[in-house]
């Protein structure tokens, strides 16, 4: 099994980027009227998803802050607001990290001017 893995691993490392290189210069037309290459479209989709996710995290943080400040009435409401704010910040960190990783991958897939 180990010999088979050692035989297949270099081939897989060489063959995995081939579909991305093949799609780099092919123009794709989506039914919505958007035209562009695969990396350009993926870059737009990733940017849209990142911005909408960041907006969602900020809204959750504000909801948690509201619950925390109005938590004078009950301690459970204060704890819920605190947990919501912490989870929103953790989600924001995960989103920004994945956005940086995806932008790095897209940079190496396509030309820097296209993304």
Protein backbone atom coordinates (compact mmCIF):
# COMPACT_ATOMS: atom_id res chain seq x y z
CA UNK A 1 0.00 0.00 0.00
CA UNK A 2 2.84 2.38 0.81
CA UNK A 3 4.47 1.79 -2.57
CA UNK A 4 1.20 2.51 -4.32
CA UNK A 5 0.81 5.75 -2.38
CA UNK A 6 4.36 6.81 -3.21
CA UNK A 7 3.65 6.08 -6.87
CA UNK A 8 0.31 7.94 -7.03
CA UNK A 9 1.18 10.99 -4.90
CA UNK A 10 3.51 12.74 -7.39
CA UNK A 11 1.07 12.14 -10.22
CA UNK A 12 -1.83 13.51 -8.18
CA UNK A 13 0.17 16.59 -7.19
CA UNK A 14 0.92 17.21 -10.86
CA UNK A 15 -2.59 16.48 -12.17
CA UNK A 16 -4.72 18.37 -9.63
CA UNK A 17 -4.06 21.92 -10.96
CA UNK A 18 -4.75 20.90 -14.58
CA UNK A 19 -8.55 21.54 -14.54
CA UNK A 20 -7.99 25.02 -13.12
CA UNK A 21 -5.42 25.83 -15.81
CA UNK A 22 -7.77 24.50 -18.48
CA UNK A 23 -10.58 26.77 -17.28
CA UNK A 24 -8.36 29.84 -16.96
CA UNK A 25 -8.80 31.17 -20.49
CA UNK A 26 -12.20 29.72 -21.37
CA UNK A 27 -14.99 32.32 -21.39
CA UNK A 28 -18.05 31.24 -19.45
CA UNK A 29 -21.48 32.78 -20.02
CA UNK A 30 -24.00 32.45 -17.23
CA UNK A 31 -27.72 32.83 -17.93
CA UNK A 32 -27.81 36.03 -15.90
CA UNK A 33 -25.71 37.78 -18.52
CA UNK A 34 -22.43 37.60 -16.64
CA UNK A 35 -19.50 36.72 -18.87
CA UNK A 36 -15.94 36.05 -17.87
CA UNK A 37 -13.41 33.39 -17.18
CA UNK A 38 -13.80 30.89 -14.37
CA UNK A 39 -11.35 32.64 -11.99
CA UNK A 40 -13.02 36.02 -12.57
CA UNK A 41 -16.46 34.63 -11.78
CA UNK A 42 -15.17 32.75 -8.72
CA UNK A 43 -13.47 35.92 -7.49
CA UNK A 44 -16.76 37.83 -7.73
CA UNK A 45 -18.69 35.06 -5.98
CA UNK A 46 -16.13 34.81 -3.16
CA UNK A 47 -16.14 38.59 -2.67
CA UNK A 48 -19.95 38.71 -2.55
CA UNK A 49 -20.18 35.84 -0.06
CA UNK A 50 -17.47 37.36 2.14
CA UNK A 51 -19.13 40.78 2.25
CA UNK A 52 -22.57 39.36 3.01
CA UNK A 53 -21.10 37.14 5.73
CA UNK A 54 -19.27 40.07 7.31
CA UNK A 55 -22.50 42.09 7.29
CA UNK A 56 -24.30 39.19 8.98
CA UNK A 57 -21.61 38.93 11.67
CA UNK A 58 -21.79 42.66 12.36
CA UNK A 59 -25.58 42.50 12.68
CA UNK A 60 -25.27 39.58 15.12
CA UNK A 61 -22.68 41.51 17.11
CA UNK A 62 -25.03 44.50 17.35
CA UNK A 63 -27.90 42.24 18.43
CA UNK A 64 -25.65 40.74 21.11
CA UNK A 65 -24.59 44.20 22.26
CA UNK A 66 -28.24 45.24 22.51
CA UNK A 67 -29.05 42.16 24.56
CA UNK A 68 -26.03 42.78 26.78
CA UNK A 69 -26.90 46.41 27.46
CA UNK A 70 -30.55 45.65 28.16
CA UNK A 71 -29.57 42.71 30.35
CA UNK A 72 -30.00 44.73 33.53
CA UNK A 73 -33.43 43.13 33.93
CA UNK A 74 -32.25 39.52 33.77
CA UNK A 75 -28.86 37.84 34.06
CA UNK A 76 -29.72 35.23 31.40
CA UNK A 77 -30.30 37.95 28.81
CA UNK A 78 -26.91 39.46 29.65
CA UNK A 79 -25.20 36.08 29.25
CA UNK A 80 -26.99 35.46 25.95
CA UNK A 81 -25.82 38.82 24.62
CA UNK A 82 -22.25 38.15 25.73
CA UNK A 83 -22.19 34.74 24.04
CA UNK A 84 -23.72 36.19 20.87
CA UNK A 85 -21.04 38.89 20.67
CA UNK A 86 -18.23 36.38 21.24
CA UNK A 87 -19.63 33.98 18.62
CA UNK A 88 -20.06 36.82 16.13
CA UNK A 89 -16.41 37.84 16.57
CA UNK A 90 -15.24 34.24 16.20
CA UNK A 91 -17.33 33.88 13.06
CA UNK A 92 -15.84 37.10 11.70
CA UNK A 93 -12.31 35.81 12.29
CA UNK A 94 -13.14 32.53 10.52
CA UNK A 95 -14.70 34.37 7.58
CA UNK A 96 -11.74 36.75 7.19
CA UNK A 97 -9.27 33.86 7.40
CA UNK A 98 -11.10 31.82 4.79
CA UNK A 99 -11.43 34.90 2.56
CA UNK A 100 -7.67 35.46 2.73
CA UNK A 101 -7.03 31.80 1.93
CA UNK A 102 -9.43 31.79 -1.03
CA UNK A 103 -8.03 35.03 -2.43
CA UNK A 104 -4.53 33.55 -2.22
CA UNK A 105 -5.63 30.42 -4.08
CA UNK A 106 -7.43 32.49 -6.71
CA UNK A 107 -4.33 34.66 -7.11
CA UNK A 108 -2.26 31.64 -8.02
CA UNK A 109 -4.96 30.17 -10.30
CA UNK A 110 -5.54 33.25 -12.40
CA UNK A 111 -3.54 36.22 -13.54
CA UNK A 112 -3.26 38.96 -10.88
CA UNK A 113 -4.94 41.52 -13.13
CA UNK A 114 -8.03 39.32 -13.65
CA UNK A 115 -8.91 38.85 -9.98
